[in-house]
Amino acid sequence: MLTAVLLMIVFLFFLFTFFKRTLQKLFPFSFCALCASVFLTWVGLLSLSFFAVPADTTLLGILMGESITGIMYKITLQRQLQPKNSVLSLFLILLGTSVAYFVLTKTFIASSLSVLIPLFFLALLLSFPKKKNSSLKTQTLREKLEHCCS
């Protein structure tokens, strides 16, 4: 299974790389050939699993995690959010991981609300504008969160 999946990613990568200009004329957004290859591979595996074709959920989870990370980077880095918002990155990783888990365990409707509602409130809390006259402790904490990778 692993070999077939890796070969599919390589095949799709070269396909998207060679036909990227043509494909980008069809879509209103730009895309990464590698990200699209990984995405289509796990969507294909997931689709096959609905038709009783056995799929390795570990491999499926790894591929979904790669897509979650790619989406997070696309949103935070390519849009050049200043400063790099680590809290937004955290939110996107938590949301993507939750959705992937619910899809893989096929428990989306039953248990998703217990995770997605707190994430919604976290997003709402993070959307409030920064206070200009915040305390030194608050500013220090905010700086640590915004620069967690450096």
C-alpha atoms as a PDB file:
ATOM      1  CA  MET A   1       0.000   0.000   0.000  1.00  0.00           C
ATOM      2  CA  LEU A   2       2.779   2.449   0.919  1.00  0.00           C
ATOM      3  CA  THR A   3       4.612   1.950  -2.364  1.00  0.00           C
ATOM      4  CA  ALA A   4       1.443   2.509  -4.407  1.00  0.00           C
ATOM      5  CA  VAL A   5       0.635   5.680  -2.453  1.00  0.00           C
ATOM      6  CA  LEU A   6       4.154   7.080  -2.848  1.00  0.00           C
ATOM      7  CA  LEU A   7       4.127   6.311  -6.572  1.00  0.00           C
ATOM      8  CA  MET A   8       0.749   8.034  -6.909  1.00  0.00           C
ATOM      9  CA  ILE A   9       2.107  11.163  -5.201  1.00  0.00           C
ATOM     10  CA  VAL A  10       5.146  11.172  -7.519  1.00  0.00           C
ATOM     11  CA  PHE A  11       2.970  10.652 -10.613  1.00  0.00           C
ATOM     12  CA  LEU A  12       0.539  13.414  -9.650  1.00  0.00           C
ATOM     13  CA  PHE A  13       3.396  15.739  -8.681  1.00  0.00           C
ATOM     14  CA  PHE A  14       4.976  15.498 -12.137  1.00  0.00           C
ATOM     15  CA  LEU A  15       1.574  15.751 -13.799  1.00  0.00           C
ATOM     16  CA  PHE A  16       0.713  18.932 -11.889  1.00  0.00           C
ATOM     17  CA  THR A  17       4.198  20.348 -12.396  1.00  0.00           C
ATOM     18  CA  PHE A  18       4.156  19.877 -16.167  1.00  0.00           C
ATOM     19  CA  PHE A  19       0.578  21.110 -16.639  1.00  0.00           C
ATOM     20  CA  LYS A  20       0.524  23.786 -13.927  1.00  0.00           C
ATOM     21  CA  ARG A  21       0.139  26.753 -16.278  1.00  0.00           C
ATOM     22  CA  THR A  22      -2.774  25.131 -18.068  1.00  0.00           C
ATOM     23  CA  LEU A  23      -4.431  24.044 -14.833  1.00  0.00           C
ATOM     24  CA  GLN A  24      -4.060  27.458 -13.199  1.00  0.00           C
ATOM     25  CA  LYS A  25      -6.045  28.980 -16.042  1.00  0.00           C
ATOM     26  CA  LEU A  26      -8.939  26.696 -15.039  1.00  0.00           C
ATOM     27  CA  PHE A  27      -8.847  27.541 -11.320  1.00  0.00           C
ATOM     28  CA  PRO A  28      -9.249  30.966  -9.702  1.00  0.00           C
ATOM     29  CA  PHE A  29      -6.489  30.197  -7.194  1.00  0.00           C
ATOM     30  CA  SER A  30      -2.875  29.123  -7.291  1.00  0.00           C
ATOM     31  CA  PHE A  31      -1.833  25.762  -5.924  1.00  0.00           C
ATOM     32  CA  CYS A  32       1.282  23.871  -4.985  1.00  0.00           C
ATOM     33  CA  ALA A  33       1.899  20.778  -7.127  1.00  0.00           C
ATOM     34  CA  LEU A  34       3.092  18.773  -4.122  1.00  0.00           C
ATOM     35  CA  CYS A  35       0.173  19.816  -1.909  1.00  0.00           C
ATOM     36  CA  ALA A  36      -2.337  19.001  -4.645  1.00  0.00           C
ATOM     37  CA  SER A  37      -0.692  15.601  -5.174  1.00  0.00           C
ATOM     38  CA  VAL A  38      -0.874  14.683  -1.497  1.00  0.00           C
ATOM     39  CA  PHE A  39      -4.436  16.008  -1.211  1.00  0.00           C
ATOM     40  CA  LEU A  40      -5.729  14.046  -4.190  1.00  0.00           C
ATOM     41  CA  THR A  41      -3.964  10.908  -2.975  1.00  0.00           C
ATOM     42  CA  TRP A  42      -5.623  10.909   0.435  1.00  0.00           C
ATOM     43  CA  VAL A  43      -8.990  11.925  -1.005  1.00  0.00           C
ATOM     44  CA  GLY A  44      -8.684   8.975  -3.398  1.00  0.00           C
ATOM     45  CA  LEU A  45      -7.787   6.601  -0.559  1.00  0.00           C
ATOM     46  CA  LEU A  46     -10.653   7.905   1.561  1.00  0.00           C
ATOM     47  CA  SER A  47     -13.083   7.549  -1.351  1.00  0.00           C
ATOM     48  CA  LEU A  48     -11.974   3.960  -1.940  1.00  0.00           C
ATOM     49  CA  SER A  49     -12.522   3.158   1.734  1.00  0.00           C
ATOM     50  CA  PHE A  50     -16.198   4.067   1.335  1.00  0.00           C
ATOM     51  CA  PHE A  51     -16.442   1.345  -1.327  1.00  0.00           C
ATOM     52  CA  ALA A  52     -15.078  -1.300   1.073  1.00  0.00           C
ATOM     53  CA  VAL A  53     -11.540  -1.141  -0.327  1.00  0.00           C
ATOM     54  CA  PRO A  54      -9.271  -1.462   2.719  1.00  0.00           C
ATOM     55  CA  ALA A  55      -7.244   1.674   3.404  1.00  0.00           C
ATOM     56  CA  ASP A  56      -4.378   2.034   5.856  1.00  0.00           C
ATOM     57  CA  THR A  57      -5.726   4.617   8.305  1.00  0.00           C
ATOM     58  CA  THR A  58      -2.241   5.370   9.610  1.00  0.00           C
ATOM     59  CA  LEU A  59      -1.063   6.306   6.136  1.00  0.00           C
ATOM     60  CA  LEU A  60      -4.290   8.191   5.492  1.00  0.00           C
ATOM     61  CA  GLY A  61      -3.792  10.131   8.732  1.00  0.00           C
ATOM     62  CA  ILE A  62      -0.197  11.008   7.820  1.00  0.00           C
ATOM     63  CA  LEU A  63      -1.285  12.323   4.423  1.00  0.00           C
ATOM     64  CA  MET A  64      -4.127  14.313   5.972  1.00  0.00           C
ATOM     65  CA  GLY A  65      -1.657  15.790   8.479  1.00  0.00           C
ATOM     66  CA  GLU A  66       0.583  16.883   5.628  1.00  0.00           C
ATOM     67  CA  SER A  67      -2.388  18.657   4.033  1.00  0.00           C
ATOM     68  CA  ILE A  68      -3.325  20.316   7.325  1.00  0.00           C
ATOM     69  CA  THR A  69       0.203  21.670   7.661  1.00  0.00           C
ATOM     70  CA  GLY A  70       0.173  22.845   4.039  1.00  0.00           C
ATOM     71  CA  ILE A  71      -3.110  24.698   4.557  1.00  0.00           C
ATOM     72  CA  MET A  72      -1.754  26.318   7.713  1.00  0.00           C
ATOM     73  CA  TYR A  73       1.371  27.512   5.878  1.00  0.00           C
ATOM     74  CA  LYS A  74      -0.664  28.710   2.890  1.00  0.00           C
ATOM     75  CA  ILE A  75      -2.932  30.798   5.091  1.00  0.00           C
ATOM     76  CA  THR A  76      -0.336  32.215   7.492  1.00  0.00           C
ATOM     77  CA  LEU A  77       2.867  32.516   5.479  1.00  0.00           C
ATOM     78  CA  GLN A  78       1.809  33.078   1.899  1.00  0.00           C
ATOM     79  CA  ARG A  79      -0.604  35.798   2.906  1.00  0.00           C
ATOM     80  CA  GLN A  80       2.294  37.328   4.835  1.00  0.00           C
ATOM     81  CA  LEU A  81       0.378  37.988   8.029  1.00  0.00           C
ATOM     82  CA  GLN A  82       2.437  40.401  10.088  1.00  0.00           C
ATOM     83  CA  PRO A  83       3.592  39.397  12.572  1.00  0.00           C
ATOM     84  CA  LYS A  84       3.375  35.693  11.910  1.00  0.00           C
ATOM     85  CA  ASN A  85       0.411  34.759  14.007  1.00  0.00           C
ATOM     86  CA  SER A  86       1.344  31.597  15.908  1.00  0.00           C
ATOM     87  CA  VAL A  87      -2.027  31.535  17.636  1.00  0.00           C
ATOM     88  CA  LEU A  88      -3.763  31.433  14.245  1.00  0.00           C
ATOM     89  CA  SER A  89      -1.428  28.605  13.240  1.00  0.00           C
ATOM     90  CA  LEU A  90      -2.325  26.756  16.423  1.00  0.00           C
ATOM     91  CA  PHE A  91      -6.029  27.243  15.743  1.00  0.00           C
ATOM     92  CA  LEU A  92      -5.703  25.958  12.174  1.00  0.00           C
ATOM     93  CA  ILE A  93      -3.733  22.890  13.281  1.00  0.00           C
ATOM     94  CA  LEU A  94      -6.289  22.106  16.014  1.00  0.00           C
ATOM     95  CA  LEU A  95      -9.203  22.557  13.648  1.00  0.00           C
ATOM     96  CA  GLY A  96      -7.624  20.499  10.866  1.00  0.00           C
ATOM     97  CA  THR A  97      -6.602  17.718  13.227  1.00  0.00           C
ATOM     98  CA  SER A  98     -10.104  17.579  14.702  1.00  0.00           C
ATOM     99  CA  VAL A  99     -11.755  17.394  11.300  1.00  0.00           C
ATOM    100  CA  ALA A 100      -9.299  14.716  10.112  1.00  0.00           C
ATOM    101  CA  TYR A 101      -9.944  12.674  13.257  1.00  0.00           C
ATOM    102  CA  PHE A 102     -13.702  12.888  12.824  1.00  0.00           C
ATOM    103  CA  VAL A 103     -13.439  11.877   9.165  1.00  0.00           C
ATOM    104  CA  LEU A 104     -11.133   8.935   9.904  1.00  0.00           C
ATOM    105  CA  THR A 105     -13.219   7.650  12.811  1.00  0.00           C
ATOM    106  CA  LYS A 106     -16.504   8.390  11.004  1.00  0.00           C
ATOM    107  CA  THR A 107     -17.825  10.158  14.113  1.00  0.00           C
ATOM    108  CA  PHE A 108     -18.146  13.621  12.617  1.00  0.00           C
ATOM    109  CA  ILE A 109     -21.728  14.391  13.566  1.00  0.00           C
ATOM    110  CA  ALA A 110     -21.743  12.715  16.966  1.00  0.00           C
ATOM    111  CA  SER A 111     -18.697  14.200  18.641  1.00  0.00           C
ATOM    112  CA  SER A 112     -17.585  17.128  16.520  1.00  0.00           C
ATOM    113  CA  LEU A 113     -19.596  19.709  18.419  1.00  0.00           C
ATOM    114  CA  SER A 114     -17.709  19.040  21.654  1.00  0.00           C
ATOM    115  CA  VAL A 115     -14.488  20.092  19.914  1.00  0.00           C
ATOM    116  CA  LEU A 116     -15.629  22.565  17.280  1.00  0.00           C
ATOM    117  CA  ILE A 117     -17.667  24.766  19.636  1.00  0.00           C
ATOM    118  CA  PRO A 118     -14.670  25.509  21.936  1.00  0.00           C
ATOM    119  CA  LEU A 119     -12.511  26.103  18.839  1.00  0.00           C
ATOM    120  CA  PHE A 120     -15.127  28.550  17.573  1.00  0.00           C
ATOM    121  CA  PHE A 121     -14.959  30.472  20.854  1.00  0.00           C
ATOM    122  CA  LEU A 122     -11.161  30.420  20.723  1.00  0.00           C
ATOM    123  CA  ALA A 123     -11.309  31.932  17.231  1.00  0.00           C
ATOM    124  CA  LEU A 124     -13.782  34.522  18.432  1.00  0.00           C
ATOM    125  CA  LEU A 125     -11.536  35.406  21.372  1.00  0.00           C
ATOM    126  CA  LEU A 126      -8.502  35.714  19.092  1.00  0.00           C
ATOM    127  CA  SER A 127     -10.347  37.989  16.686  1.00  0.00           C
ATOM    128  CA  PHE A 128     -10.654  40.808  19.205  1.00  0.00           C
ATOM    129  CA  PRO A 129      -8.293  43.686  18.396  1.00  0.00           C
ATOM    130  CA  LYS A 130      -5.166  44.191  20.465  1.00  0.00           C
ATOM    131  CA  LYS A 131      -5.341  46.818  23.175  1.00  0.00           C
ATOM    132  CA  LYS A 132      -2.772  49.543  22.690  1.00  0.00           C
ATOM    133  CA  ASN A 133      -2.330  50.130  26.428  1.00  0.00           C
ATOM    134  CA  SER A 134      -2.016  46.513  27.519  1.00  0.00           C
ATOM    135  CA  SER A 135       0.149  45.558  30.473  1.00  0.00           C
ATOM    136  CA  LEU A 136       3.792  44.523  30.132  1.00  0.00           C
ATOM    137  CA  LYS A 137       2.889  40.922  31.079  1.00  0.00           C
ATOM    138  CA  THR A 138       0.241  40.783  28.357  1.00  0.00           C
ATOM    139  CA  GLN A 139       2.619  42.225  25.772  1.00  0.00           C
ATOM    140  CA  THR A 140       5.346  39.736  26.753  1.00  0.00           C
ATOM    141  CA  LEU A 141       2.933  36.800  26.525  1.00  0.00           C
ATOM    142  CA  ARG A 142       1.621  38.009  23.177  1.00  0.00           C
ATOM    143  CA  GLU A 143       5.191  38.329  21.826  1.00  0.00           C
ATOM    144  CA  LYS A 144       6.049  34.817  23.015  1.00  0.00           C
ATOM    145  CA  LEU A 145       2.954  33.415  21.284  1.00  0.00           C
ATOM    146  CA  GLU A 146       3.599  35.330  18.080  1.00  0.00           C
ATOM    147  CA  HIS A 147       7.237  34.225  17.890  1.00  0.00           C
ATOM    148  CA  CYS A 148       6.976  30.640  19.146  1.00  0.00           C
ATOM    149  CA  CYS A 149       9.078  29.265  16.268  1.00  0.00           C
ATOM    150  CA  SER A 150      11.976  31.703  16.487  1.00  0.00           C
END
